[in-house]
Amino acid sequence: MPDGRLRRLLLALPLALAAALFAAPAASAGLLFPEAGGSPNADSIKTLYIMVFVLALFIFAGVEGALIWALVKYRARKGRTAAQIHGNTKLEIGWTVGAAVILVFITAFTFIKLGDIKDPIPSVDAQGRSLALADGAQLASTDLKSVEGPQMKIVVNGQQYVWRYSYPGRENLLVYSDMVVPVGMTVILDIQADDVIHSWWIPKLGGKMDAVPGYTNKTWFQIPPDAIPEGQDRVVYTGQCAELCGRNHANMYARVIGMRPDDYKRWYADQVQALKTAKTDVAAQQKALTEQEQQGEDGGE
């Protein structure tokens, strides 16, 4: 291949890769920083990420700046021989202590933010006030702390290639693909899988959580009461399975829809009624088929 064509090909490859990434918005998930704004734990993840990123950026600039300065200042010149330096104890102690201090700072800051990421917070009303715990209500919990106040626990079950949501209550409501929750409510998720490993990921509502067969992982989110745009009845957050789970993995999408409490109650009642109607229709169809079979058998006799 001629040199000119090879150079053009090498230049085109990075451009093609960048174009492919921009053409797949689901893969970007915020591009440079994690998405946030949909739940307090997602905001804390982004804060921690930005802190580490900025610190790493300063370190990178300092190291690369020192390297470029040394290359320019001590570059080869006529009449000068490069100095042979075999060690500098003070310098070596300095960068070892500096690196240790940076690691201690990152560790301390991570543990400070870890509680905000892992521990669910109380549900809030439209004015942002914590909701009181109702009499006889059960406390949900992650593997760390209990939730003080009302909460909703939903079982998220990953299946090739769809998400199933089991809602609390006597109705045993099951919903696929779209999870609908009231804004301001702390939602505890039990993440499970029926077949292979999946990964639940709605970028604006927090980090990824694996769905592993035979095991339950826990996470949570809380959509702010003011997240619904003015004049609309819902806010929608999109995501998808983040663990390669088979040939249709790329089509295993998920949506979380936040509604105002009254709208959510109506949606829930409609879903329950639709489920009851479907069961009644199926029972009627089965009864009709059974009667037809019996009539056929009687006629044959």
C-alpha atoms as a PDB file:
ATOM      1  CA  MET A   1       0.000   0.000   0.000  1.00  0.00           C
ATOM      2  CA  PRO A   2       1.454   3.454  -0.920  1.00  0.00           C
ATOM      3  CA  ASP A   3       2.549   5.635   1.984  1.00  0.00           C
ATOM      4  CA  GLY A   4      -0.034   8.314   1.150  1.00  0.00           C
ATOM      5  CA  ARG A   5      -2.963   5.897   1.311  1.00  0.00           C
ATOM      6  CA  LEU A   6      -1.646   4.375   4.550  1.00  0.00           C
ATOM      7  CA  ARG A   7      -1.430   7.797   6.205  1.00  0.00           C
ATOM      8  CA  ARG A   8      -4.975   8.652   5.110  1.00  0.00           C
ATOM      9  CA  LEU A   9      -6.223   5.342   6.473  1.00  0.00           C
ATOM     10  CA  LEU A  10      -4.510   5.904   9.836  1.00  0.00           C
ATOM     11  CA  LEU A  11      -6.064   9.373  10.051  1.00  0.00           C
ATOM     12  CA  ALA A  12      -9.513   8.080   9.101  1.00  0.00           C
ATOM     13  CA  LEU A  13      -9.611   5.336  11.730  1.00  0.00           C
ATOM     14  CA  PRO A  14      -9.786   7.657  14.800  1.00  0.00           C
ATOM     15  CA  LEU A  15     -12.408   9.813  13.054  1.00  0.00           C
ATOM     16  CA  ALA A  16     -14.512   6.745  12.240  1.00  0.00           C
ATOM     17  CA  LEU A  17     -14.243   5.534  15.845  1.00  0.00           C
ATOM     18  CA  ALA A  18     -15.294   8.933  17.218  1.00  0.00           C
ATOM     19  CA  ALA A  19     -18.221   9.090  14.784  1.00  0.00           C
ATOM     20  CA  ALA A  20     -19.387   5.625  15.867  1.00  0.00           C
ATOM     21  CA  LEU A  21     -19.314   6.647  19.538  1.00  0.00           C
ATOM     22  CA  PHE A  22     -21.254   9.849  18.915  1.00  0.00           C
ATOM     23  CA  ALA A  23     -23.798   7.920  16.841  1.00  0.00           C
ATOM     24  CA  ALA A  24     -24.525   5.633  19.822  1.00  0.00           C
ATOM     25  CA  PRO A  25     -25.816   7.945  22.599  1.00  0.00           C
ATOM     26  CA  ALA A  26     -26.628   5.020  24.917  1.00  0.00           C
ATOM     27  CA  ALA A  27     -22.957   4.078  24.933  1.00  0.00           C
ATOM     28  CA  SER A  28     -21.754   7.555  25.866  1.00  0.00           C
ATOM     29  CA  ALA A  29     -23.621   7.799  29.202  1.00  0.00           C
ATOM     30  CA  GLY A  30     -22.411  11.342  29.728  1.00  0.00           C
ATOM     31  CA  LEU A  31     -19.315  10.993  27.554  1.00  0.00           C
ATOM     32  CA  LEU A  32     -16.703  12.548  29.861  1.00  0.00           C
ATOM     33  CA  PHE A  33     -18.486  12.391  33.241  1.00  0.00           C
ATOM     34  CA  PRO A  34     -21.213  10.074  34.579  1.00  0.00           C
ATOM     35  CA  GLU A  35     -24.780  11.245  34.115  1.00  0.00           C
ATOM     36  CA  ALA A  36     -26.585  12.608  37.150  1.00  0.00           C
ATOM     37  CA  GLY A  37     -29.608  14.670  38.123  1.00  0.00           C
ATOM     38  CA  GLY A  38     -32.093  11.826  38.445  1.00  0.00           C
ATOM     39  CA  SER A  39     -31.269  10.665  41.976  1.00  0.00           C
ATOM     40  CA  PRO A  40     -29.070  11.832  44.894  1.00  0.00           C
ATOM     41  CA  ASN A  41     -26.848   8.727  44.736  1.00  0.00           C
ATOM     42  CA  ALA A  42     -26.111   9.418  41.054  1.00  0.00           C
ATOM     43  CA  ASP A  43     -25.145  13.000  42.007  1.00  0.00           C
ATOM     44  CA  SER A  44     -22.720  11.663  44.646  1.00  0.00           C
ATOM     45  CA  ILE A  45     -21.161   9.243  42.140  1.00  0.00           C
ATOM     46  CA  LYS A  46     -20.581  12.133  39.737  1.00  0.00           C
ATOM     47  CA  THR A  47     -19.065  14.311  42.493  1.00  0.00           C
ATOM     48  CA  LEU A  48     -16.631  11.552  43.458  1.00  0.00           C
ATOM     49  CA  TYR A  49     -15.743  10.912  39.828  1.00  0.00           C
ATOM     50  CA  ILE A  50     -15.095  14.604  39.100  1.00  0.00           C
ATOM     51  CA  MET A  51     -12.885  14.932  42.189  1.00  0.00           C
ATOM     52  CA  VAL A  52     -10.704  11.992  41.134  1.00  0.00           C
ATOM     53  CA  PHE A  53     -10.686  13.194  37.522  1.00  0.00           C
ATOM     54  CA  VAL A  54      -9.575  16.742  38.404  1.00  0.00           C
ATOM     55  CA  LEU A  55      -6.887  15.451  40.765  1.00  0.00           C
ATOM     56  CA  ALA A  56      -5.629  13.038  38.090  1.00  0.00           C
ATOM     57  CA  LEU A  57      -5.653  15.879  35.557  1.00  0.00           C
ATOM     58  CA  PHE A  58      -3.417  18.039  37.774  1.00  0.00           C
ATOM     59  CA  ILE A  59      -1.043  15.108  38.343  1.00  0.00           C
ATOM     60  CA  PHE A  60      -0.943  14.367  34.611  1.00  0.00           C
ATOM     61  CA  ALA A  61      -0.258  18.032  33.775  1.00  0.00           C
ATOM     62  CA  GLY A  62       2.499  18.197  36.413  1.00  0.00           C
ATOM     63  CA  VAL A  63       4.242  15.003  35.288  1.00  0.00           C
ATOM     64  CA  GLU A  64       3.977  15.780  31.578  1.00  0.00           C
ATOM     65  CA  GLY A  65       5.014  19.400  32.176  1.00  0.00           C
ATOM     66  CA  ALA A  66       8.121  18.281  34.088  1.00  0.00           C
ATOM     67  CA  LEU A  67       8.923  15.787  31.342  1.00  0.00           C
ATOM     68  CA  ILE A  68       8.615  18.387  28.561  1.00  0.00           C
ATOM     69  CA  TRP A  69      10.641  20.904  30.605  1.00  0.00           C
ATOM     70  CA  ALA A  70      13.424  18.344  31.073  1.00  0.00           C
ATOM     71  CA  LEU A  71      13.386  17.418  27.386  1.00  0.00           C
ATOM     72  CA  VAL A  72      13.741  21.050  26.342  1.00  0.00           C
ATOM     73  CA  LYS A  73      16.202  22.198  29.023  1.00  0.00           C
ATOM     74  CA  TYR A  74      18.519  19.213  28.773  1.00  0.00           C
ATOM     75  CA  ARG A  75      18.219  18.430  25.070  1.00  0.00           C
ATOM     76  CA  ALA A  76      21.353  17.429  23.187  1.00  0.00           C
ATOM     77  CA  ARG A  77      23.576  20.310  22.052  1.00  0.00           C
ATOM     78  CA  LYS A  78      26.976  20.623  20.508  1.00  0.00           C
ATOM     79  CA  GLY A  79      29.750  20.662  23.046  1.00  0.00           C
ATOM     80  CA  ARG A  80      27.625  19.334  25.908  1.00  0.00           C
ATOM     81  CA  THR A  81      27.430  15.805  27.234  1.00  0.00           C
ATOM     82  CA  ALA A  82      24.263  14.592  28.915  1.00  0.00           C
ATOM     83  CA  ALA A  83      24.599  14.405  32.707  1.00  0.00           C
ATOM     84  CA  GLN A  84      24.632  10.891  34.177  1.00  0.00           C
ATOM     85  CA  ILE A  85      22.453  10.989  37.300  1.00  0.00           C
ATOM     86  CA  HIS A  86      22.360   7.792  39.341  1.00  0.00           C
ATOM     87  CA  GLY A  87      19.804   8.803  41.974  1.00  0.00           C
ATOM     88  CA  ASN A  88      18.422  11.584  44.122  1.00  0.00           C
ATOM     89  CA  THR A  89      17.306  10.459  47.578  1.00  0.00           C
ATOM     90  CA  LYS A  90      15.380  13.630  48.443  1.00  0.00           C
ATOM     91  CA  LEU A  91      13.496  13.586  45.148  1.00  0.00           C
ATOM     92  CA  GLU A  92      12.624   9.891  45.483  1.00  0.00           C
ATOM     93  CA  ILE A  93      11.386  10.344  49.060  1.00  0.00           C
ATOM     94  CA  GLY A  94       9.404  13.400  47.965  1.00  0.00           C
ATOM     95  CA  TRP A  95       7.452  11.691  45.202  1.00  0.00           C
ATOM     96  CA  THR A  96       6.874   8.588  47.346  1.00  0.00           C
ATOM     97  CA  VAL A  97       5.429  10.659  50.206  1.00  0.00           C
ATOM     98  CA  GLY A  98       3.452  12.792  47.741  1.00  0.00           C
ATOM     99  CA  ALA A  99       1.889   9.731  46.120  1.00  0.00           C
ATOM    100  CA  ALA A 100       1.001   8.320  49.550  1.00  0.00           C
ATOM    101  CA  VAL A 101      -0.676  11.586  50.587  1.00  0.00           C
ATOM    102  CA  ILE A 102      -2.710  11.616  47.358  1.00  0.00           C
ATOM    103  CA  LEU A 103      -3.851   8.016  47.918  1.00  0.00           C
ATOM    104  CA  VAL A 104      -4.843   8.777  51.513  1.00  0.00           C
ATOM    105  CA  PHE A 105      -6.826  11.824  50.367  1.00  0.00           C
ATOM    106  CA  ILE A 106      -8.650   9.840  47.645  1.00  0.00           C
ATOM    107  CA  THR A 107      -9.415   7.044  50.106  1.00  0.00           C
ATOM    108  CA  ALA A 108     -10.757   9.447  52.750  1.00  0.00           C
ATOM    109  CA  PHE A 109     -12.895  11.365  50.245  1.00  0.00           C
ATOM    110  CA  THR A 110     -14.254   8.089  48.804  1.00  0.00           C
ATOM    111  CA  PHE A 111     -15.356   6.838  52.225  1.00  0.00           C
ATOM    112  CA  ILE A 112     -16.938  10.214  52.962  1.00  0.00           C
ATOM    113  CA  LYS A 113     -19.062   9.988  49.793  1.00  0.00           C
ATOM    114  CA  LEU A 114     -19.665   6.228  49.987  1.00  0.00           C
ATOM    115  CA  GLY A 115     -22.501   6.584  52.482  1.00  0.00           C
ATOM    116  CA  ASP A 116     -24.350   9.016  50.181  1.00  0.00           C
ATOM    117  CA  ILE A 117     -24.001   6.503  47.343  1.00  0.00           C
ATOM    118  CA  LYS A 118     -24.938   3.283  49.153  1.00  0.00           C
ATOM    119  CA  ASP A 119     -27.347   4.357  51.892  1.00  0.00           C
ATOM    120  CA  PRO A 120     -30.917   5.237  50.805  1.00  0.00           C
ATOM    121  CA  ILE A 121     -32.397   8.470  52.116  1.00  0.00           C
ATOM    122  CA  PRO A 122     -35.951   9.125  53.401  1.00  0.00           C
ATOM    123  CA  SER A 123     -38.720   9.764  50.897  1.00  0.00           C
ATOM    124  CA  VAL A 124     -39.778  13.397  50.468  1.00  0.00           C
ATOM    125  CA  ASP A 125     -42.950  15.235  49.493  1.00  0.00           C
ATOM    126  CA  ALA A 126     -43.383  17.914  46.837  1.00  0.00           C
ATOM    127  CA  GLN A 127     -41.885  20.532  49.203  1.00  0.00           C
ATOM    128  CA  GLY A 128     -38.812  18.368  49.856  1.00  0.00           C
ATOM    129  CA  ARG A 129     -39.851  17.481  53.424  1.00  0.00           C
ATOM    130  CA  SER A 130     -39.141  13.986  54.727  1.00  0.00           C
ATOM    131  CA  LEU A 131     -42.236  11.789  54.879  1.00  0.00           C
ATOM    132  CA  ALA A 132     -43.090  10.233  58.237  1.00  0.00           C
ATOM    133  CA  LEU A 133     -43.138   6.488  58.752  1.00  0.00           C
ATOM    134  CA  ALA A 134     -46.702   5.166  58.707  1.00  0.00           C
ATOM    135  CA  ASP A 135     -47.916   2.919  61.515  1.00  0.00           C
ATOM    136  CA  GLY A 136     -47.099  -0.723  60.874  1.00  0.00           C
ATOM    137  CA  ALA A 137     -44.925   0.042  57.845  1.00  0.00           C
ATOM    138  CA  GLN A 138     -41.902  -2.149  57.242  1.00  0.00           C
ATOM    139  CA  LEU A 139     -38.396  -0.788  56.921  1.00  0.00           C
ATOM    140  CA  ALA A 140     -36.558  -1.754  53.766  1.00  0.00           C
ATOM    141  CA  SER A 141     -32.789  -1.971  53.897  1.00  0.00           C
ATOM    142  CA  THR A 142     -29.750  -2.345  51.731  1.00  0.00           C
ATOM    143  CA  ASP A 143     -26.740  -4.229  52.983  1.00  0.00           C
ATOM    144  CA  LEU A 144     -25.795  -1.189  55.081  1.00  0.00           C
ATOM    145  CA  LYS A 145     -28.581   0.870  56.651  1.00  0.00           C
ATOM    146  CA  SER A 146     -32.365   0.896  57.007  1.00  0.00           C
ATOM    147  CA  VAL A 147     -34.560   3.507  55.407  1.00  0.00           C
ATOM    148  CA  GLU A 148     -36.348   5.861  57.771  1.00  0.00           C
ATOM    149  CA  GLY A 149     -39.823   6.498  56.447  1.00  0.00           C
ATOM    150  CA  PRO A 150     -42.020   5.200  53.623  1.00  0.00           C
ATOM    151  CA  GLN A 151     -40.348   3.360  50.791  1.00  0.00           C
ATOM    152  CA  MET A 152     -41.147   1.112  47.863  1.00  0.00           C
ATOM    153  CA  LYS A 153     -39.348  -2.166  47.210  1.00  0.00           C
ATOM    154  CA  ILE A 154     -39.364  -3.459  43.630  1.00  0.00           C
ATOM    155  CA  VAL A 155     -37.793  -6.746  42.508  1.00  0.00           C
ATOM    156  CA  VAL A 156     -35.943  -6.272  39.218  1.00  0.00           C
ATOM    157  CA  ASN A 157     -35.524  -9.547  37.350  1.00  0.00           C
ATOM    158  CA  GLY A 158     -33.273  -9.798  34.308  1.00  0.00           C
ATOM    159  CA  GLN A 159     -34.282 -12.261  31.602  1.00  0.00           C
ATOM    160  CA  GLN A 160     -33.011 -12.719  28.064  1.00  0.00           C
ATOM    161  CA  TYR A 161     -33.772 -10.053  26.835  1.00  0.00           C
ATOM    162  CA  VAL A 162     -36.198  -8.072  28.980  1.00  0.00           C
ATOM    163  CA  TRP A 163     -36.503  -6.636  32.497  1.00  0.00           C
ATOM    164  CA  ARG A 164     -39.414  -7.699  34.692  1.00  0.00           C
ATOM    165  CA  TYR A 165     -40.525  -5.629  37.707  1.00  0.00           C
ATOM    166  CA  SER A 166     -42.433  -7.114  40.644  1.00  0.00           C
ATOM    167  CA  TYR A 167     -44.342  -4.468  42.624  1.00  0.00           C
ATOM    168  CA  PRO A 168     -45.230  -4.770  46.316  1.00  0.00           C
ATOM    169  CA  GLY A 169     -48.818  -5.391  47.374  1.00  0.00           C
ATOM    170  CA  ARG A 170     -51.464  -8.102  47.373  1.00  0.00           C
ATOM    171  CA  GLU A 171     -52.094  -7.614  43.645  1.00  0.00           C
ATOM    172  CA  ASN A 172     -48.653  -9.108  42.762  1.00  0.00           C
ATOM    173  CA  LEU A 173     -48.365  -6.715  39.826  1.00  0.00           C
ATOM    174  CA  LEU A 174     -45.722  -7.666  37.233  1.00  0.00           C
ATOM    175  CA  VAL A 175     -44.595  -5.129  34.624  1.00  0.00           C
ATOM    176  CA  TYR A 176     -42.081  -5.517  31.803  1.00  0.00           C
ATOM    177  CA  SER A 177     -39.604  -3.033  30.267  1.00  0.00           C
ATOM    178  CA  ASP A 178     -40.940   0.183  31.882  1.00  0.00           C
ATOM    179  CA  MET A 179     -40.716   0.731  35.636  1.00  0.00           C
ATOM    180  CA  VAL A 180     -43.120   3.407  36.895  1.00  0.00           C
ATOM    181  CA  VAL A 181     -42.567   4.993  40.326  1.00  0.00           C
ATOM    182  CA  PRO A 182     -43.796   8.079  42.204  1.00  0.00           C
ATOM    183  CA  VAL A 183     -41.348  10.973  42.405  1.00  0.00           C
ATOM    184  CA  GLY A 184     -39.985  11.732  45.853  1.00  0.00           C
ATOM    185  CA  MET A 185     -40.317   8.089  46.889  1.00  0.00           C
ATOM    186  CA  THR A 186     -37.222   6.151  47.922  1.00  0.00           C
ATOM    187  CA  VAL A 187     -37.219   3.033  45.743  1.00  0.00           C
ATOM    188  CA  ILE A 188     -35.286  -0.016  46.945  1.00  0.00           C
ATOM    189  CA  LEU A 189     -34.358  -2.440  44.174  1.00  0.00           C
ATOM    190  CA  ASP A 190     -33.661  -6.151  44.612  1.00  0.00           C
ATOM    191  CA  ILE A 191     -31.705  -7.038  41.480  1.00  0.00           C
ATOM    192  CA  GLN A 192     -32.001 -10.679  40.334  1.00  0.00           C
ATOM    193  CA  ALA A 193     -31.688 -12.790  37.181  1.00  0.00           C
ATOM    194  CA  ASP A 194     -33.317 -15.981  35.920  1.00  0.00           C
ATOM    195  CA  ASP A 195     -30.843 -17.208  33.309  1.00  0.00           C
ATOM    196  CA  VAL A 196     -27.458 -15.493  32.811  1.00  0.00           C
ATOM    197  CA  ILE A 197     -25.705 -12.468  34.316  1.00  0.00           C
ATOM    198  CA  HIS A 198     -27.242  -9.130  33.358  1.00  0.00           C
ATOM    199  CA  SER A 199     -26.494  -5.619  34.634  1.00  0.00           C
ATOM    200  CA  TRP A 200     -29.140  -3.068  35.594  1.00  0.00           C
ATOM    201  CA  TRP A 201     -28.066   0.420  34.518  1.00  0.00           C
ATOM    202  CA  ILE A 202     -30.058   3.638  34.299  1.00  0.00           C
ATOM    203  CA  PRO A 203     -27.161   6.168  34.156  1.00  0.00           C
ATOM    204  CA  LYS A 204     -29.010   9.148  35.653  1.00  0.00           C
ATOM    205  CA  LEU A 205     -30.287   7.059  38.580  1.00  0.00           C
ATOM    206  CA  GLY A 206     -26.968   5.689  39.845  1.00  0.00           C
ATOM    207  CA  GLY A 207     -24.285   3.150  39.098  1.00  0.00           C
ATOM    208  CA  LYS A 208     -24.558  -0.251  37.465  1.00  0.00           C
ATOM    209  CA  MET A 209     -25.673  -3.250  39.497  1.00  0.00           C
ATOM    210  CA  ASP A 210     -25.185  -6.832  38.326  1.00  0.00           C
ATOM    211  CA  ALA A 211     -28.129  -9.232  38.175  1.00  0.00           C
ATOM    212  CA  VAL A 212     -26.692 -12.660  39.012  1.00  0.00           C
ATOM    213  CA  PRO A 213     -28.718 -15.921  38.961  1.00  0.00           C
ATOM    214  CA  GLY A 214     -29.238 -17.259  42.488  1.00  0.00           C
ATOM    215  CA  TYR A 215     -28.162 -14.011  44.167  1.00  0.00           C
ATOM    216  CA  THR A 216     -29.830 -10.725  45.089  1.00  0.00           C
ATOM    217  CA  ASN A 217     -27.983  -7.426  44.762  1.00  0.00           C
ATOM    218  CA  LYS A 218     -29.482  -4.247  46.186  1.00  0.00           C
ATOM    219  CA  THR A 219     -29.443  -0.643  45.112  1.00  0.00           C
ATOM    220  CA  TRP A 220     -31.759   2.370  45.368  1.00  0.00           C
ATOM    221  CA  PHE A 221     -32.764   5.672  43.820  1.00  0.00           C
ATOM    222  CA  GLN A 222     -35.076   8.598  44.516  1.00  0.00           C
ATOM    223  CA  ILE A 223     -36.358  10.827  41.728  1.00  0.00           C
ATOM    224  CA  PRO A 224     -36.654  14.439  42.988  1.00  0.00           C
ATOM    225  CA  PRO A 225     -40.247  15.742  43.260  1.00  0.00           C
ATOM    226  CA  ASP A 226     -39.397  18.662  40.956  1.00  0.00           C
ATOM    227  CA  ALA A 227     -37.888  16.470  38.219  1.00  0.00           C
ATOM    228  CA  ILE A 228     -41.079  16.415  36.121  1.00  0.00           C
ATOM    229  CA  PRO A 229     -41.008  19.252  33.548  1.00  0.00           C
ATOM    230  CA  GLU A 230     -43.682  21.917  33.786  1.00  0.00           C
ATOM    231  CA  GLY A 231     -46.797  20.980  31.849  1.00  0.00           C
ATOM    232  CA  GLN A 232     -45.928  17.275  31.665  1.00  0.00           C
ATOM    233  CA  ASP A 233     -47.111  14.329  33.724  1.00  0.00           C
ATOM    234  CA  ARG A 234     -43.891  12.313  33.824  1.00  0.00           C
ATOM    235  CA  VAL A 235     -40.124  12.233  33.568  1.00  0.00           C
ATOM    236  CA  VAL A 236     -38.368   9.391  31.755  1.00  0.00           C
ATOM    237  CA  TYR A 237     -34.884   7.956  32.329  1.00  0.00           C
ATOM    238  CA  THR A 238     -33.471   5.432  29.876  1.00  0.00           C
ATOM    239  CA  GLY A 239     -30.836   2.745  30.159  1.00  0.00           C
ATOM    240  CA  GLN A 240     -30.046  -0.804  29.161  1.00  0.00           C
ATOM    241  CA  CYS A 241     -28.349  -4.005  30.224  1.00  0.00           C
ATOM    242  CA  ALA A 242     -24.639  -3.313  30.714  1.00  0.00           C
ATOM    243  CA  GLU A 243     -23.431  -6.944  30.782  1.00  0.00           C
ATOM    244  CA  LEU A 244     -23.060  -8.998  27.585  1.00  0.00           C
ATOM    245  CA  CYS A 245     -25.863 -11.544  28.015  1.00  0.00           C
ATOM    246  CA  GLY A 246     -26.439 -13.055  24.576  1.00  0.00           C
ATOM    247  CA  ARG A 247     -27.096 -12.298  20.934  1.00  0.00           C
ATOM    248  CA  ASN A 248     -29.860  -9.724  21.627  1.00  0.00           C
ATOM    249  CA  HIS A 249     -28.034  -8.010  24.496  1.00  0.00           C
ATOM    250  CA  ALA A 250     -27.975  -4.669  22.624  1.00  0.00           C
ATOM    251  CA  ASN A 251     -31.800  -4.654  22.534  1.00  0.00           C
ATOM    252  CA  MET A 252     -32.293  -5.189  26.278  1.00  0.00           C
ATOM    253  CA  TYR A 253     -33.410  -1.656  27.063  1.00  0.00           C
ATOM    254  CA  ALA A 254     -34.939  -0.313  30.265  1.00  0.00           C
ATOM    255  CA  ARG A 255     -36.898   2.792  31.226  1.00  0.00           C
ATOM    256  CA  VAL A 256     -37.809   4.281  34.584  1.00  0.00           C
ATOM    257  CA  ILE A 257     -40.784   6.645  34.492  1.00  0.00           C
ATOM    258  CA  GLY A 258     -41.371   9.034  37.383  1.00  0.00           C
ATOM    259  CA  MET A 259     -44.926  10.290  37.995  1.00  0.00           C
ATOM    260  CA  ARG A 260     -46.544  12.515  40.591  1.00  0.00           C
ATOM    261  CA  PRO A 261     -48.046  10.418  43.415  1.00  0.00           C
ATOM    262  CA  ASP A 262     -51.666  10.859  42.270  1.00  0.00           C
ATOM    263  CA  ASP A 263     -50.803  10.010  38.663  1.00  0.00           C
ATOM    264  CA  TYR A 264     -48.846   6.989  39.862  1.00  0.00           C
ATOM    265  CA  LYS A 265     -51.847   5.715  41.879  1.00  0.00           C
ATOM    266  CA  ARG A 266     -54.056   5.977  38.806  1.00  0.00           C
ATOM    267  CA  TRP A 267     -51.465   4.176  36.676  1.00  0.00           C
ATOM    268  CA  TYR A 268     -51.159   1.395  39.254  1.00  0.00           C
ATOM    269  CA  ALA A 269     -54.948   0.965  39.499  1.00  0.00           C
ATOM    270  CA  ASP A 270     -55.218   0.846  35.700  1.00  0.00           C
ATOM    271  CA  GLN A 271     -52.510  -1.829  35.484  1.00  0.00           C
ATOM    272  CA  VAL A 272     -54.180  -3.953  38.149  1.00  0.00           C
ATOM    273  CA  GLN A 273     -57.572  -3.622  36.452  1.00  0.00           C
ATOM    274  CA  ALA A 274     -56.080  -4.478  33.046  1.00  0.00           C
ATOM    275  CA  LEU A 275     -54.477  -7.576  34.576  1.00  0.00           C
ATOM    276  CA  LYS A 276     -57.805  -8.655  36.129  1.00  0.00           C
ATOM    277  CA  THR A 277     -59.614  -8.093  32.834  1.00  0.00           C
ATOM    278  CA  ALA A 278     -57.006 -10.119  30.953  1.00  0.00           C
ATOM    279  CA  LYS A 279     -57.348 -12.991  33.443  1.00  0.00           C
ATOM    280  CA  THR A 280     -61.152 -12.904  33.121  1.00  0.00           C
ATOM    281  CA  ASP A 281     -60.937 -12.918  29.308  1.00  0.00           C
ATOM    282  CA  VAL A 282     -58.498 -15.831  29.322  1.00  0.00           C
ATOM    283  CA  ALA A 283     -60.723 -17.795  31.710  1.00  0.00           C
ATOM    284  CA  ALA A 284     -63.753 -17.148  29.472  1.00  0.00           C
ATOM    285  CA  GLN A 285     -61.825 -18.290  26.397  1.00  0.00           C
ATOM    286  CA  GLN A 286     -60.693 -21.456  28.140  1.00  0.00           C
ATOM    287  CA  LYS A 287     -64.252 -22.181  29.253  1.00  0.00           C
ATOM    288  CA  ALA A 288     -65.553 -21.681  25.705  1.00  0.00           C
ATOM    289  CA  LEU A 289     -62.904 -23.993  24.271  1.00  0.00           C
ATOM    290  CA  THR A 290     -63.694 -26.632  26.874  1.00  0.00           C
ATOM    291  CA  GLU A 291     -67.424 -26.432  26.048  1.00  0.00           C
ATOM    292  CA  GLN A 292     -66.667 -26.727  22.328  1.00  0.00           C
ATOM    293  CA  GLU A 293     -64.534 -29.803  22.929  1.00  0.00           C
ATOM    294  CA  GLN A 294     -67.279 -31.405  25.039  1.00  0.00           C
ATOM    295  CA  GLN A 295     -69.904 -30.639  22.379  1.00  0.00           C
ATOM    296  CA  GLY A 296     -67.650 -32.179  19.756  1.00  0.00           C
ATOM    297  CA  GLU A 297     -67.205 -35.304  21.804  1.00  0.00           C
ATOM    298  CA  ASP A 298     -70.990 -35.540  22.452  1.00  0.00           C
ATOM    299  CA  GLY A 299     -71.723 -35.091  18.763  1.00  0.00           C
ATOM    300  CA  GLY A 300     -69.209 -37.769  17.820  1.00  0.00           C
ATOM    301  CA  GLU A 301     -70.929 -40.230  20.086  1.00  0.00           C
END
